[in-house]
Amino acid sequence: MTPSVGINSLIATNGDRQAPDVVSAWMSVPAIVAPEILPLPVARKLLHEYRIRRLPVVDQSGALVGIVTEGDINRISSSPGSDYDAYNLYYRVADLPLREFMSRPVITVTPDTPLFEAAHLMLTWRIHGLPVAQGNEVVGMISVSDMLRRLLASGNPVSRTVSERKLSARQRSDRA
């Protein structure tokens, strides 16, 4: 891909259909969200059960109010066994609601945001995923993994991949 190619002209294959390079074509759906009163151990189980690393946090009305990551949880409690330690004067870790340690404000994108723009936000803010919001509703998540899927789906052949180079070097050293 050359730098002169415009974002709007990029087209990727997503399954059997053609999809423009916008967030909606590559985001993970449905959005797994958690209420702000959810205790930390339950959030840990959700992350593990759905094999995700980020959990958008919503208020009673369903509006996005924060985000909690696997790293946030592990910084507070390294394992389910330590969830019963004291967090502070007011909470044990097991009772700690997400609203007490979630990150806010949340950086979001919309479904029609170009992937390039989402990637730029992730690099700028040094984060690995963004909630996709339509109005106040979280409709999905876009992550670095989703962008790698897009990259691999493009099918652009590389003249010699890194693994081929390593194999060639190994074969040369075996012959010597």
C-alpha atoms as a PDB file:
ATOM      1  CA  MET A   1       0.000   0.000   0.000  1.00  0.00           C
ATOM      2  CA  THR A   2       1.413   3.376  -0.918  1.00  0.00           C
ATOM      3  CA  PRO A   3       0.979   6.511   1.205  1.00  0.00           C
ATOM      4  CA  SER A   4      -0.831   8.236  -1.663  1.00  0.00           C
ATOM      5  CA  VAL A   5      -3.827   5.867  -1.420  1.00  0.00           C
ATOM      6  CA  GLY A   6      -6.730   7.625   0.317  1.00  0.00           C
ATOM      7  CA  ILE A   7      -8.413   6.075   3.336  1.00  0.00           C
ATOM      8  CA  ASN A   8     -11.797   6.042   1.617  1.00  0.00           C
ATOM      9  CA  SER A   9     -10.454   4.117  -1.353  1.00  0.00           C
ATOM     10  CA  LEU A  10      -9.125   1.229   0.730  1.00  0.00           C
ATOM     11  CA  ILE A  11     -11.249  -1.883   0.449  1.00  0.00           C
ATOM     12  CA  ALA A  12     -10.762  -5.090   2.422  1.00  0.00           C
ATOM     13  CA  THR A  13     -12.231  -8.529   2.153  1.00  0.00           C
ATOM     14  CA  ASN A  14     -14.087  -9.513   5.310  1.00  0.00           C
ATOM     15  CA  GLY A  15     -15.379 -13.037   4.786  1.00  0.00           C
ATOM     16  CA  ASP A  16     -17.221 -13.266   1.480  1.00  0.00           C
ATOM     17  CA  ARG A  17     -18.267  -9.645   1.263  1.00  0.00           C
ATOM     18  CA  GLN A  18     -16.425  -6.466   0.446  1.00  0.00           C
ATOM     19  CA  ALA A  19     -16.247  -4.035   3.359  1.00  0.00           C
ATOM     20  CA  PRO A  20     -14.784  -0.553   3.526  1.00  0.00           C
ATOM     21  CA  ASP A  21     -12.005   0.010   6.035  1.00  0.00           C
ATOM     22  CA  VAL A  22     -14.223   1.391   8.740  1.00  0.00           C
ATOM     23  CA  VAL A  23     -14.551   0.238  12.319  1.00  0.00           C
ATOM     24  CA  SER A  24     -17.984  -1.372  11.827  1.00  0.00           C
ATOM     25  CA  ALA A  25     -16.562  -3.876   9.326  1.00  0.00           C
ATOM     26  CA  TRP A  26     -13.975  -5.223  11.765  1.00  0.00           C
ATOM     27  CA  MET A  27     -15.194  -4.531  15.308  1.00  0.00           C
ATOM     28  CA  SER A  28     -16.080  -7.318  17.720  1.00  0.00           C
ATOM     29  CA  VAL A  29     -19.801  -7.620  18.416  1.00  0.00           C
ATOM     30  CA  PRO A  30     -21.851  -7.838  20.512  1.00  0.00           C
ATOM     31  CA  ALA A  31     -20.375  -5.471  23.041  1.00  0.00           C
ATOM     32  CA  ILE A  32     -19.842  -7.089  26.433  1.00  0.00           C
ATOM     33  CA  VAL A  33     -20.466  -4.333  28.983  1.00  0.00           C
ATOM     34  CA  ALA A  34     -20.677  -4.244  32.768  1.00  0.00           C
ATOM     35  CA  PRO A  35     -22.687  -2.101  35.176  1.00  0.00           C
ATOM     36  CA  GLU A  36     -20.629   0.311  37.270  1.00  0.00           C
ATOM     37  CA  ILE A  37     -21.736  -1.441  40.483  1.00  0.00           C
ATOM     38  CA  LEU A  38     -20.374  -4.837  39.372  1.00  0.00           C
ATOM     39  CA  PRO A  39     -17.796  -6.155  41.885  1.00  0.00           C
ATOM     40  CA  LEU A  40     -14.230  -6.798  40.759  1.00  0.00           C
ATOM     41  CA  PRO A  41     -14.332 -10.636  41.043  1.00  0.00           C
ATOM     42  CA  VAL A  42     -17.413 -10.812  38.797  1.00  0.00           C
ATOM     43  CA  ALA A  43     -15.704  -8.541  36.258  1.00  0.00           C
ATOM     44  CA  ARG A  44     -12.658 -10.846  36.347  1.00  0.00           C
ATOM     45  CA  LYS A  45     -14.924 -13.824  35.596  1.00  0.00           C
ATOM     46  CA  LEU A  46     -16.572 -11.965  32.688  1.00  0.00           C
ATOM     47  CA  LEU A  47     -13.192 -11.184  31.139  1.00  0.00           C
ATOM     48  CA  HIS A  48     -12.143 -14.821  31.495  1.00  0.00           C
ATOM     49  CA  GLU A  49     -15.462 -16.282  30.307  1.00  0.00           C
ATOM     50  CA  TYR A  50     -15.640 -14.148  27.148  1.00  0.00           C
ATOM     51  CA  ARG A  51     -11.858 -14.184  26.579  1.00  0.00           C
ATOM     52  CA  ILE A  52     -11.667 -10.397  26.421  1.00  0.00           C
ATOM     53  CA  ARG A  53      -9.273  -7.868  27.954  1.00  0.00           C
ATOM     54  CA  ARG A  54     -11.434  -4.745  28.137  1.00  0.00           C
ATOM     55  CA  LEU A  55     -14.805  -4.162  29.715  1.00  0.00           C
ATOM     56  CA  PRO A  56     -16.754  -0.975  28.990  1.00  0.00           C
ATOM     57  CA  VAL A  57     -18.606   0.181  32.104  1.00  0.00           C
ATOM     58  CA  VAL A  58     -22.136   1.591  31.835  1.00  0.00           C
ATOM     59  CA  ASP A  59     -24.445   3.400  34.239  1.00  0.00           C
ATOM     60  CA  GLN A  60     -28.066   2.485  35.033  1.00  0.00           C
ATOM     61  CA  SER A  61     -29.280   4.016  31.780  1.00  0.00           C
ATOM     62  CA  GLY A  62     -26.754   2.055  29.707  1.00  0.00           C
ATOM     63  CA  ALA A  63     -24.563   5.090  28.952  1.00  0.00           C
ATOM     64  CA  LEU A  64     -20.806   4.514  28.792  1.00  0.00           C
ATOM     65  CA  VAL A  65     -19.120   5.951  31.897  1.00  0.00           C
ATOM     66  CA  GLY A  66     -15.746   4.181  32.027  1.00  0.00           C
ATOM     67  CA  ILE A  67     -13.637   1.215  31.037  1.00  0.00           C
ATOM     68  CA  VAL A  68     -11.810  -1.471  33.008  1.00  0.00           C
ATOM     69  CA  THR A  69      -9.014  -3.591  31.609  1.00  0.00           C
ATOM     70  CA  GLU A  70      -7.540  -6.900  32.668  1.00  0.00           C
ATOM     71  CA  GLY A  71      -4.438  -4.948  33.693  1.00  0.00           C
ATOM     72  CA  ASP A  72      -6.493  -2.643  35.944  1.00  0.00           C
ATOM     73  CA  ILE A  73      -7.923  -5.659  37.755  1.00  0.00           C
ATOM     74  CA  ASN A  74      -4.539  -7.383  38.060  1.00  0.00           C
ATOM     75  CA  ARG A  75      -2.962  -4.241  39.539  1.00  0.00           C
ATOM     76  CA  ILE A  76      -5.531  -4.317  42.350  1.00  0.00           C
ATOM     77  CA  SER A  77      -5.759  -8.069  42.871  1.00  0.00           C
ATOM     78  CA  SER A  78      -3.302 -10.457  41.258  1.00  0.00           C
ATOM     79  CA  SER A  79      -5.544 -13.522  41.649  1.00  0.00           C
ATOM     80  CA  PRO A  80      -9.041 -14.534  42.737  1.00  0.00           C
ATOM     81  CA  GLY A  81      -7.498 -15.652  46.052  1.00  0.00           C
ATOM     82  CA  SER A  82      -6.396 -12.117  46.868  1.00  0.00           C
ATOM     83  CA  ASP A  83      -9.856 -10.712  46.135  1.00  0.00           C
ATOM     84  CA  TYR A  84     -10.602 -10.974  49.867  1.00  0.00           C
ATOM     85  CA  ASP A  85      -7.811  -8.626  50.915  1.00  0.00           C
ATOM     86  CA  ALA A  86      -8.641  -5.103  52.062  1.00  0.00           C
ATOM     87  CA  TYR A  87      -8.522  -2.539  49.266  1.00  0.00           C
ATOM     88  CA  ASN A  88      -8.933   0.528  51.425  1.00  0.00           C
ATOM     89  CA  LEU A  89     -10.790   1.635  54.523  1.00  0.00           C
ATOM     90  CA  TYR A  90     -14.160   1.266  52.790  1.00  0.00           C
ATOM     91  CA  TYR A  91     -13.877  -1.831  50.575  1.00  0.00           C
ATOM     92  CA  ARG A  92     -12.496  -5.323  50.445  1.00  0.00           C
ATOM     93  CA  VAL A  93     -11.325  -6.121  46.941  1.00  0.00           C
ATOM     94  CA  ALA A  94     -14.175  -8.641  46.585  1.00  0.00           C
ATOM     95  CA  ASP A  95     -16.714  -5.865  47.175  1.00  0.00           C
ATOM     96  CA  LEU A  96     -14.972  -3.199  45.089  1.00  0.00           C
ATOM     97  CA  PRO A  97     -17.354  -1.880  42.410  1.00  0.00           C
ATOM     98  CA  LEU A  98     -15.963  -1.047  38.974  1.00  0.00           C
ATOM     99  CA  ARG A  99     -16.874   2.632  39.372  1.00  0.00           C
ATOM    100  CA  GLU A 100     -14.166   2.919  42.061  1.00  0.00           C
ATOM    101  CA  PHE A 101     -11.261   2.073  39.741  1.00  0.00           C
ATOM    102  CA  MET A 102     -12.482   2.370  36.132  1.00  0.00           C
ATOM    103  CA  SER A 103     -10.671   4.705  33.745  1.00  0.00           C
ATOM    104  CA  ARG A 104     -12.556   7.770  32.592  1.00  0.00           C
ATOM    105  CA  PRO A 105     -13.196   9.622  30.397  1.00  0.00           C
ATOM    106  CA  VAL A 106     -13.318   6.906  27.773  1.00  0.00           C
ATOM    107  CA  ILE A 107     -11.868   7.407  24.312  1.00  0.00           C
ATOM    108  CA  THR A 108     -14.365   6.018  21.799  1.00  0.00           C
ATOM    109  CA  VAL A 109     -14.935   5.723  18.078  1.00  0.00           C
ATOM    110  CA  THR A 110     -18.119   5.410  16.042  1.00  0.00           C
ATOM    111  CA  PRO A 111     -18.944   2.561  13.662  1.00  0.00           C
ATOM    112  CA  ASP A 112     -18.145   4.748  10.643  1.00  0.00           C
ATOM    113  CA  THR A 113     -14.713   5.861  11.920  1.00  0.00           C
ATOM    114  CA  PRO A 114     -11.948   4.883   9.461  1.00  0.00           C
ATOM    115  CA  LEU A 115      -9.665   2.132  10.798  1.00  0.00           C
ATOM    116  CA  PHE A 116      -6.694   4.406  10.199  1.00  0.00           C
ATOM    117  CA  GLU A 117      -8.159   6.967  12.619  1.00  0.00           C
ATOM    118  CA  ALA A 118      -8.913   4.294  15.257  1.00  0.00           C
ATOM    119  CA  ALA A 119      -5.341   2.982  14.963  1.00  0.00           C
ATOM    120  CA  HIS A 120      -3.996   6.517  15.324  1.00  0.00           C
ATOM    121  CA  LEU A 121      -6.028   7.009  18.521  1.00  0.00           C
ATOM    122  CA  MET A 122      -4.711   3.739  19.955  1.00  0.00           C
ATOM    123  CA  LEU A 123      -1.119   4.705  19.218  1.00  0.00           C
ATOM    124  CA  THR A 124      -1.549   8.238  20.530  1.00  0.00           C
ATOM    125  CA  TRP A 125      -3.171   7.167  23.803  1.00  0.00           C
ATOM    126  CA  ARG A 126      -1.118   3.947  24.117  1.00  0.00           C
ATOM    127  CA  ILE A 127      -4.179   1.732  24.425  1.00  0.00           C
ATOM    128  CA  HIS A 128      -5.037  -1.553  22.748  1.00  0.00           C
ATOM    129  CA  GLY A 129      -8.768  -1.251  22.231  1.00  0.00           C
ATOM    130  CA  LEU A 130     -11.601   1.242  21.913  1.00  0.00           C
ATOM    131  CA  PRO A 131     -15.303   0.988  22.648  1.00  0.00           C
ATOM    132  CA  VAL A 132     -17.425   1.643  19.571  1.00  0.00           C
ATOM    133  CA  ALA A 133     -20.311   3.895  20.525  1.00  0.00           C
ATOM    134  CA  GLN A 134     -23.424   4.941  18.652  1.00  0.00           C
ATOM    135  CA  GLY A 135     -24.813   7.823  20.659  1.00  0.00           C
ATOM    136  CA  ASN A 136     -24.607   6.720  24.300  1.00  0.00           C
ATOM    137  CA  GLU A 137     -24.818   2.995  23.477  1.00  0.00           C
ATOM    138  CA  VAL A 138     -21.761   0.756  23.218  1.00  0.00           C
ATOM    139  CA  VAL A 139     -22.267  -1.350  20.078  1.00  0.00           C
ATOM    140  CA  GLY A 140     -18.895  -3.088  19.871  1.00  0.00           C
ATOM    141  CA  MET A 141     -15.161  -3.013  20.543  1.00  0.00           C
ATOM    142  CA  ILE A 142     -12.296  -2.519  18.117  1.00  0.00           C
ATOM    143  CA  SER A 143      -8.894  -3.802  19.174  1.00  0.00           C
ATOM    144  CA  VAL A 144      -5.403  -4.239  17.844  1.00  0.00           C
ATOM    145  CA  SER A 145      -6.318  -7.898  17.207  1.00  0.00           C
ATOM    146  CA  ASP A 146      -9.229  -6.810  14.993  1.00  0.00           C
ATOM    147  CA  MET A 147      -6.872  -4.583  13.026  1.00  0.00           C
ATOM    148  CA  LEU A 148      -4.438  -7.465  12.597  1.00  0.00           C
ATOM    149  CA  ARG A 149      -7.331  -9.559  11.223  1.00  0.00           C
ATOM    150  CA  ARG A 150      -7.917  -6.756   8.694  1.00  0.00           C
ATOM    151  CA  LEU A 151      -4.256  -6.695   7.765  1.00  0.00           C
ATOM    152  CA  LEU A 152      -4.162 -10.452   7.244  1.00  0.00           C
ATOM    153  CA  ALA A 153      -7.433 -10.424   5.277  1.00  0.00           C
ATOM    154  CA  SER A 154      -5.959  -8.009   2.755  1.00  0.00           C
ATOM    155  CA  GLY A 155      -4.030 -10.925   1.289  1.00  0.00           C
ATOM    156  CA  ASN A 156      -1.139  -8.728   0.174  1.00  0.00           C
ATOM    157  CA  PRO A 157       1.746 -11.090  -0.506  1.00  0.00           C
ATOM    158  CA  VAL A 158       5.032 -10.236   1.086  1.00  0.00           C
ATOM    159  CA  SER A 159       8.085 -11.074  -0.998  1.00  0.00           C
ATOM    160  CA  ARG A 160       9.743 -13.001   1.818  1.00  0.00           C
ATOM    161  CA  THR A 161       8.237 -13.230   5.263  1.00  0.00           C
ATOM    162  CA  VAL A 162      10.299 -13.141   8.419  1.00  0.00           C
ATOM    163  CA  SER A 163       9.698 -16.859   9.003  1.00  0.00           C
ATOM    164  CA  GLU A 164      10.953 -17.673   5.483  1.00  0.00           C
ATOM    165  CA  ARG A 165      14.081 -15.630   6.156  1.00  0.00           C
ATOM    166  CA  LYS A 166      14.694 -17.471   9.438  1.00  0.00           C
ATOM    167  CA  LEU A 167      14.145 -20.825   7.727  1.00  0.00           C
ATOM    168  CA  SER A 168      16.545 -19.898   4.926  1.00  0.00           C
ATOM    169  CA  ALA A 169      19.179 -18.816   7.440  1.00  0.00           C
ATOM    170  CA  ARG A 170      18.716 -22.063   9.396  1.00  0.00           C
ATOM    171  CA  GLN A 171      19.038 -24.131   6.206  1.00  0.00           C
ATOM    172  CA  ARG A 172      22.227 -22.280   5.270  1.00  0.00           C
ATOM    173  CA  SER A 173      23.740 -22.869   8.726  1.00  0.00           C
ATOM    174  CA  ASP A 174      22.792 -26.582   8.579  1.00  0.00           C
ATOM    175  CA  ARG A 175      24.670 -26.961   5.289  1.00  0.00           C
ATOM    176  CA  ALA A 176      27.840 -25.330   6.603  1.00  0.00           C
END
